[in-house]
């Protein structure tokens, strides 16, 4: 097998395209398709479009009319783009606000559940002052367990007090109380005195 020889560029080497030679095309980057693309404010966009159109109002040649039409088209296109972007932001902000409101309601409901647990536990066992919660995963399901109930001095109370506390936690949606595990030990007096924000005497905790 004989080695092939390369032919210098521009010299025909055979084949259907060999008889003619051509220079490489010059590459040029297109200018911005829309002259208003850098503007993100509708007021600024309208001012820029008005200024561009005023410069074409002196004459009424066909070229001026064509240029004015191009300005109007680019103005409308950019205006639609800005409006679409603003609408998307408004929808995103609205969704975020609603999500924050929903999370705040869940937090308030959980705090109300904790208040009810603390209130009833203190009625049944007046010596109960603090409760320690822990997470427990049973077959992948989250449950909140009462690890201990303490008196005002930090001493653990009997198992019957713990059992009572566990019944109350289970009754008042233990999953919602997962947020209080890391706050343990929980002061029952403060928890029982909690009121939703905005009500007289509300405690923010």
C-alpha atoms as a PDB file:
ATOM      1  CA  UNK A   1       0.000   0.000   0.000  1.00  0.00           C
ATOM      2  CA  UNK A   2       1.581   3.269  -1.138  1.00  0.00           C
ATOM      3  CA  UNK A   3       1.333   6.326   1.113  1.00  0.00           C
ATOM      4  CA  UNK A   4      -1.074   8.998  -0.088  1.00  0.00           C
ATOM      5  CA  UNK A   5       0.247  12.457  -0.814  1.00  0.00           C
ATOM      6  CA  UNK A   6      -1.485  15.577   0.340  1.00  0.00           C
ATOM      7  CA  UNK A   7      -2.288  18.300  -2.155  1.00  0.00           C
ATOM      8  CA  UNK A   8      -1.716  21.937  -1.151  1.00  0.00           C
ATOM      9  CA  UNK A   9      -4.905  23.807  -0.367  1.00  0.00           C
ATOM     10  CA  UNK A  10      -6.603  25.446  -3.335  1.00  0.00           C
ATOM     11  CA  UNK A  11      -5.289  22.947  -5.886  1.00  0.00           C
ATOM     12  CA  UNK A  12      -7.913  20.651  -7.474  1.00  0.00           C
ATOM     13  CA  UNK A  13      -7.283  17.022  -6.549  1.00  0.00           C
ATOM     14  CA  UNK A  14     -10.001  15.252  -8.496  1.00  0.00           C
ATOM     15  CA  UNK A  15     -13.601  14.447  -7.737  1.00  0.00           C
ATOM     16  CA  UNK A  16     -16.782  16.237  -8.706  1.00  0.00           C
ATOM     17  CA  UNK A  17     -15.835  19.472  -6.917  1.00  0.00           C
ATOM     18  CA  UNK A  18     -12.265  19.668  -8.218  1.00  0.00           C
ATOM     19  CA  UNK A  19     -12.648  22.053 -11.228  1.00  0.00           C
ATOM     20  CA  UNK A  20     -13.466  25.071  -9.086  1.00  0.00           C
ATOM     21  CA  UNK A  21     -11.760  26.549  -6.082  1.00  0.00           C
ATOM     22  CA  UNK A  22     -13.095  29.048  -3.576  1.00  0.00           C
ATOM     23  CA  UNK A  23     -11.801  31.055  -0.679  1.00  0.00           C
ATOM     24  CA  UNK A  24     -12.916  30.328   2.869  1.00  0.00           C
ATOM     25  CA  UNK A  25     -16.010  32.349   3.836  1.00  0.00           C
ATOM     26  CA  UNK A  26     -15.529  35.264   6.198  1.00  0.00           C
ATOM     27  CA  UNK A  27     -17.225  34.820   9.572  1.00  0.00           C
ATOM     28  CA  UNK A  28     -19.042  37.736  11.150  1.00  0.00           C
ATOM     29  CA  UNK A  29     -20.919  37.770  14.445  1.00  0.00           C
ATOM     30  CA  UNK A  30     -24.452  39.031  14.143  1.00  0.00           C
ATOM     31  CA  UNK A  31     -25.367  42.098  16.106  1.00  0.00           C
ATOM     32  CA  UNK A  32     -28.048  41.848  18.775  1.00  0.00           C
ATOM     33  CA  UNK A  33     -31.302  40.802  17.084  1.00  0.00           C
ATOM     34  CA  UNK A  34     -33.331  43.175  19.238  1.00  0.00           C
ATOM     35  CA  UNK A  35     -31.919  46.625  19.891  1.00  0.00           C
ATOM     36  CA  UNK A  36     -33.883  46.777  23.160  1.00  0.00           C
ATOM     37  CA  UNK A  37     -32.685  43.413  24.508  1.00  0.00           C
ATOM     38  CA  UNK A  38     -30.543  45.073  27.191  1.00  0.00           C
ATOM     39  CA  UNK A  39     -33.565  46.807  28.742  1.00  0.00           C
ATOM     40  CA  UNK A  40     -35.458  45.043  31.550  1.00  0.00           C
ATOM     41  CA  UNK A  41     -37.738  47.883  32.603  1.00  0.00           C
ATOM     42  CA  UNK A  42     -40.919  48.620  30.647  1.00  0.00           C
ATOM     43  CA  UNK A  43     -40.745  52.379  31.267  1.00  0.00           C
ATOM     44  CA  UNK A  44     -37.154  52.535  29.975  1.00  0.00           C
ATOM     45  CA  UNK A  45     -38.134  50.347  27.034  1.00  0.00           C
ATOM     46  CA  UNK A  46     -41.014  52.633  26.054  1.00  0.00           C
ATOM     47  CA  UNK A  47     -38.798  55.715  26.301  1.00  0.00           C
ATOM     48  CA  UNK A  48     -36.105  54.113  24.141  1.00  0.00           C
ATOM     49  CA  UNK A  49     -38.641  53.007  21.529  1.00  0.00           C
ATOM     50  CA  UNK A  50     -40.216  56.485  21.412  1.00  0.00           C
ATOM     51  CA  UNK A  51     -36.812  58.082  20.924  1.00  0.00           C
ATOM     52  CA  UNK A  52     -35.995  55.688  18.082  1.00  0.00           C
ATOM     53  CA  UNK A  53     -39.317  56.381  16.369  1.00  0.00           C
ATOM     54  CA  UNK A  54     -39.020  60.171  16.713  1.00  0.00           C
ATOM     55  CA  UNK A  55     -35.796  60.093  14.718  1.00  0.00           C
ATOM     56  CA  UNK A  56     -37.708  58.499  11.830  1.00  0.00           C
ATOM     57  CA  UNK A  57     -40.680  60.878  11.813  1.00  0.00           C
ATOM     58  CA  UNK A  58     -38.994  63.704   9.901  1.00  0.00           C
ATOM     59  CA  UNK A  59     -39.153  61.885   6.575  1.00  0.00           C
ATOM     60  CA  UNK A  60     -41.764  59.536   5.214  1.00  0.00           C
ATOM     61  CA  UNK A  61     -39.696  57.495   2.810  1.00  0.00           C
ATOM     62  CA  UNK A  62     -40.288  53.800   2.344  1.00  0.00           C
ATOM     63  CA  UNK A  63     -37.008  53.074   4.094  1.00  0.00           C
ATOM     64  CA  UNK A  64     -38.065  55.121   7.102  1.00  0.00           C
ATOM     65  CA  UNK A  65     -41.413  53.322   7.252  1.00  0.00           C
ATOM     66  CA  UNK A  66     -39.641  49.954   7.104  1.00  0.00           C
ATOM     67  CA  UNK A  67     -37.202  51.010   9.827  1.00  0.00           C
ATOM     68  CA  UNK A  68     -40.086  52.254  11.983  1.00  0.00           C
ATOM     69  CA  UNK A  69     -41.929  48.966  11.558  1.00  0.00           C
ATOM     70  CA  UNK A  70     -38.802  47.123  12.669  1.00  0.00           C
ATOM     71  CA  UNK A  71     -38.523  49.350  15.744  1.00  0.00           C
ATOM     72  CA  UNK A  72     -42.174  48.676  16.634  1.00  0.00           C
ATOM     73  CA  UNK A  73     -41.767  44.930  16.166  1.00  0.00           C
ATOM     74  CA  UNK A  74     -38.667  44.831  18.368  1.00  0.00           C
ATOM     75  CA  UNK A  75     -40.402  47.022  20.968  1.00  0.00           C
ATOM     76  CA  UNK A  76     -43.471  44.743  21.110  1.00  0.00           C
ATOM     77  CA  UNK A  77     -41.305  41.628  21.283  1.00  0.00           C
ATOM     78  CA  UNK A  78     -39.186  42.968  24.150  1.00  0.00           C
ATOM     79  CA  UNK A  79     -42.259  44.277  25.957  1.00  0.00           C
ATOM     80  CA  UNK A  80     -43.862  40.819  25.812  1.00  0.00           C
ATOM     81  CA  UNK A  81     -40.642  39.227  27.093  1.00  0.00           C
ATOM     82  CA  UNK A  82     -40.452  41.623  30.048  1.00  0.00           C
ATOM     83  CA  UNK A  83     -44.141  41.157  30.876  1.00  0.00           C
ATOM     84  CA  UNK A  84     -43.776  37.366  30.769  1.00  0.00           C
ATOM     85  CA  UNK A  85     -40.767  37.536  33.069  1.00  0.00           C
ATOM     86  CA  UNK A  86     -42.652  39.760  35.512  1.00  0.00           C
ATOM     87  CA  UNK A  87     -45.665  37.442  35.527  1.00  0.00           C
ATOM     88  CA  UNK A  88     -43.467  34.435  36.249  1.00  0.00           C
ATOM     89  CA  UNK A  89     -41.846  36.276  39.149  1.00  0.00           C
ATOM     90  CA  UNK A  90     -45.246  37.270  40.515  1.00  0.00           C
ATOM     91  CA  UNK A  91     -46.469  33.668  40.333  1.00  0.00           C
ATOM     92  CA  UNK A  92     -43.263  32.433  41.987  1.00  0.00           C
ATOM     93  CA  UNK A  93     -43.522  35.020  44.759  1.00  0.00           C
ATOM     94  CA  UNK A  94     -47.187  34.156  45.293  1.00  0.00           C
ATOM     95  CA  UNK A  95     -46.424  30.434  45.515  1.00  0.00           C
ATOM     96  CA  UNK A  96     -43.597  31.126  47.967  1.00  0.00           C
ATOM     97  CA  UNK A  97     -45.877  33.251  50.156  1.00  0.00           C
ATOM     98  CA  UNK A  98     -48.540  30.566  50.202  1.00  0.00           C
ATOM     99  CA  UNK A  99     -45.949  27.935  51.087  1.00  0.00           C
ATOM    100  CA  UNK A 100     -44.648  30.106  53.929  1.00  0.00           C
ATOM    101  CA  UNK A 101     -48.219  30.596  55.167  1.00  0.00           C
ATOM    102  CA  UNK A 102     -48.835  26.845  55.086  1.00  0.00           C
ATOM    103  CA  UNK A 103     -45.628  26.162  57.008  1.00  0.00           C
ATOM    104  CA  UNK A 104     -46.580  28.813  59.565  1.00  0.00           C
ATOM    105  CA  UNK A 105     -49.990  27.172  60.026  1.00  0.00           C
ATOM    106  CA  UNK A 106     -48.359  23.768  60.546  1.00  0.00           C
ATOM    107  CA  UNK A 107     -45.967  25.265  63.084  1.00  0.00           C
ATOM    108  CA  UNK A 108     -48.853  26.947  64.884  1.00  0.00           C
ATOM    109  CA  UNK A 109     -50.868  23.707  64.904  1.00  0.00           C
ATOM    110  CA  UNK A 110     -47.890  21.793  66.296  1.00  0.00           C
ATOM    111  CA  UNK A 111     -47.399  24.405  69.010  1.00  0.00           C
ATOM    112  CA  UNK A 112     -51.097  24.159  69.884  1.00  0.00           C
ATOM    113  CA  UNK A 113     -50.798  20.360  70.143  1.00  0.00           C
ATOM    114  CA  UNK A 114     -47.810  20.729  72.452  1.00  0.00           C
ATOM    115  CA  UNK A 115     -49.771  23.224  74.548  1.00  0.00           C
ATOM    116  CA  UNK A 116     -52.626  20.747  74.951  1.00  0.00           C
ATOM    117  CA  UNK A 117     -50.239  17.946  75.913  1.00  0.00           C
ATOM    118  CA  UNK A 118     -48.503  20.140  78.484  1.00  0.00           C
ATOM    119  CA  UNK A 119     -51.761  21.456  79.904  1.00  0.00           C
ATOM    120  CA  UNK A 120     -53.387  18.049  80.348  1.00  0.00           C
ATOM    121  CA  UNK A 121     -50.221  16.397  81.653  1.00  0.00           C
ATOM    122  CA  UNK A 122     -49.824  19.046  84.337  1.00  0.00           C
ATOM    123  CA  UNK A 123     -53.456  18.606  85.386  1.00  0.00           C
ATOM    124  CA  UNK A 124     -53.072  14.825  85.730  1.00  0.00           C
ATOM    125  CA  UNK A 125     -49.571  15.006  87.230  1.00  0.00           C
ATOM    126  CA  UNK A 126     -48.940  18.405  88.859  1.00  0.00           C
ATOM    127  CA  UNK A 127     -45.302  17.565  89.609  1.00  0.00           C
ATOM    128  CA  UNK A 128     -44.468  17.237  85.911  1.00  0.00           C
ATOM    129  CA  UNK A 129     -42.330  20.190  84.847  1.00  0.00           C
ATOM    130  CA  UNK A 130     -40.318  19.055  81.799  1.00  0.00           C
ATOM    131  CA  UNK A 131     -40.627  16.412  79.119  1.00  0.00           C
ATOM    132  CA  UNK A 132     -37.939  14.940  76.869  1.00  0.00           C
ATOM    133  CA  UNK A 133     -39.010  13.747  73.423  1.00  0.00           C
ATOM    134  CA  UNK A 134     -37.177  11.487  71.007  1.00  0.00           C
ATOM    135  CA  UNK A 135     -37.706  10.232  67.439  1.00  0.00           C
ATOM    136  CA  UNK A 136     -38.447   6.598  66.747  1.00  0.00           C
ATOM    137  CA  UNK A 137     -38.602   4.958  63.318  1.00  0.00           C
ATOM    138  CA  UNK A 138     -40.773   1.850  63.261  1.00  0.00           C
ATOM    139  CA  UNK A 139     -40.670   0.115  59.855  1.00  0.00           C
ATOM    140  CA  UNK A 140     -39.794   3.445  58.262  1.00  0.00           C
ATOM    141  CA  UNK A 141     -42.632   5.324  59.973  1.00  0.00           C
ATOM    142  CA  UNK A 142     -41.745   8.260  62.171  1.00  0.00           C
ATOM    143  CA  UNK A 143     -43.157   8.375  65.673  1.00  0.00           C
ATOM    144  CA  UNK A 144     -42.374  10.714  68.539  1.00  0.00           C
ATOM    145  CA  UNK A 145     -41.784   9.027  71.885  1.00  0.00           C
ATOM    146  CA  UNK A 146     -41.613  10.412  75.387  1.00  0.00           C
ATOM    147  CA  UNK A 147     -38.194   9.542  76.720  1.00  0.00           C
ATOM    148  CA  UNK A 148     -38.745  10.951  80.197  1.00  0.00           C
ATOM    149  CA  UNK A 149     -40.818  13.336  82.275  1.00  0.00           C
ATOM    150  CA  UNK A 150     -38.983  15.367  84.899  1.00  0.00           C
ATOM    151  CA  UNK A 151     -39.971  17.387  87.929  1.00  0.00           C
ATOM    152  CA  UNK A 152     -38.849  20.959  88.557  1.00  0.00           C
ATOM    153  CA  UNK A 153     -35.492  19.717  89.874  1.00  0.00           C
ATOM    154  CA  UNK A 154     -34.779  17.552  86.827  1.00  0.00           C
ATOM    155  CA  UNK A 155     -35.502  14.223  88.513  1.00  0.00           C
ATOM    156  CA  UNK A 156     -37.279  11.630  86.390  1.00  0.00           C
ATOM    157  CA  UNK A 157     -40.860  10.795  87.312  1.00  0.00           C
ATOM    158  CA  UNK A 158     -42.434   7.333  87.420  1.00  0.00           C
ATOM    159  CA  UNK A 159     -43.307   5.255  84.359  1.00  0.00           C
ATOM    160  CA  UNK A 160     -47.024   5.935  84.779  1.00  0.00           C
ATOM    161  CA  UNK A 161     -46.319   9.650  84.185  1.00  0.00           C
ATOM    162  CA  UNK A 162     -44.285   8.793  81.094  1.00  0.00           C
ATOM    163  CA  UNK A 163     -47.087   6.560  79.836  1.00  0.00           C
ATOM    164  CA  UNK A 164     -49.617   9.341  80.331  1.00  0.00           C
ATOM    165  CA  UNK A 165     -47.396  11.767  78.461  1.00  0.00           C
ATOM    166  CA  UNK A 166     -46.957   9.249  75.638  1.00  0.00           C
ATOM    167  CA  UNK A 167     -50.716   8.773  75.305  1.00  0.00           C
ATOM    168  CA  UNK A 168     -51.170  12.544  75.048  1.00  0.00           C
ATOM    169  CA  UNK A 169     -48.380  12.935  72.483  1.00  0.00           C
ATOM    170  CA  UNK A 170     -49.888  10.144  70.362  1.00  0.00           C
ATOM    171  CA  UNK A 171     -53.349  11.666  70.685  1.00  0.00           C
ATOM    172  CA  UNK A 172     -52.212  15.122  69.601  1.00  0.00           C
ATOM    173  CA  UNK A 173     -50.441  14.152  66.370  1.00  0.00           C
ATOM    174  CA  UNK A 174     -46.991  12.930  67.318  1.00  0.00           C
ATOM    175  CA  UNK A 175     -45.618  13.507  63.793  1.00  0.00           C
ATOM    176  CA  UNK A 176     -46.214  17.241  64.098  1.00  0.00           C
ATOM    177  CA  UNK A 177     -44.283  17.244  67.347  1.00  0.00           C
ATOM    178  CA  UNK A 178     -41.131  16.083  65.589  1.00  0.00           C
ATOM    179  CA  UNK A 179     -40.072  19.724  65.429  1.00  0.00           C
ATOM    180  CA  UNK A 180     -39.875  19.850  69.239  1.00  0.00           C
ATOM    181  CA  UNK A 181     -37.524  16.909  69.694  1.00  0.00           C
ATOM    182  CA  UNK A 182     -34.445  19.111  69.406  1.00  0.00           C
ATOM    183  CA  UNK A 183     -35.888  21.546  71.964  1.00  0.00           C
ATOM    184  CA  UNK A 184     -35.937  18.925  74.710  1.00  0.00           C
ATOM    185  CA  UNK A 185     -36.274  19.160  77.599  1.00  0.00           C
ATOM    186  CA  UNK A 186     -39.478  21.101  76.997  1.00  0.00           C
ATOM    187  CA  UNK A 187     -40.684  23.388  79.752  1.00  0.00           C
ATOM    188  CA  UNK A 188     -44.320  22.401  80.287  1.00  0.00           C
ATOM    189  CA  UNK A 189     -45.340  25.665  81.949  1.00  0.00           C
ATOM    190  CA  UNK A 190     -44.196  27.709  78.939  1.00  0.00           C
ATOM    191  CA  UNK A 191     -45.751  25.238  76.505  1.00  0.00           C
ATOM    192  CA  UNK A 192     -49.108  25.322  78.327  1.00  0.00           C
ATOM    193  CA  UNK A 193     -49.163  29.132  78.306  1.00  0.00           C
ATOM    194  CA  UNK A 194     -48.610  29.460  74.546  1.00  0.00           C
ATOM    195  CA  UNK A 195     -51.216  31.336  72.488  1.00  0.00           C
ATOM    196  CA  UNK A 196     -51.258  31.887  68.721  1.00  0.00           C
ATOM    197  CA  UNK A 197     -49.462  35.105  67.722  1.00  0.00           C
ATOM    198  CA  UNK A 198     -51.770  38.088  67.693  1.00  0.00           C
ATOM    199  CA  UNK A 199     -53.887  37.060  70.665  1.00  0.00           C
ATOM    200  CA  UNK A 200     -53.662  38.917  73.983  1.00  0.00           C
ATOM    201  CA  UNK A 201     -51.019  37.421  76.222  1.00  0.00           C
ATOM    202  CA  UNK A 202     -49.446  35.454  73.394  1.00  0.00           C
ATOM    203  CA  UNK A 203     -46.085  33.876  74.038  1.00  0.00           C
ATOM    204  CA  UNK A 204     -43.748  33.571  71.094  1.00  0.00           C
ATOM    205  CA  UNK A 205     -41.621  30.493  71.544  1.00  0.00           C
END
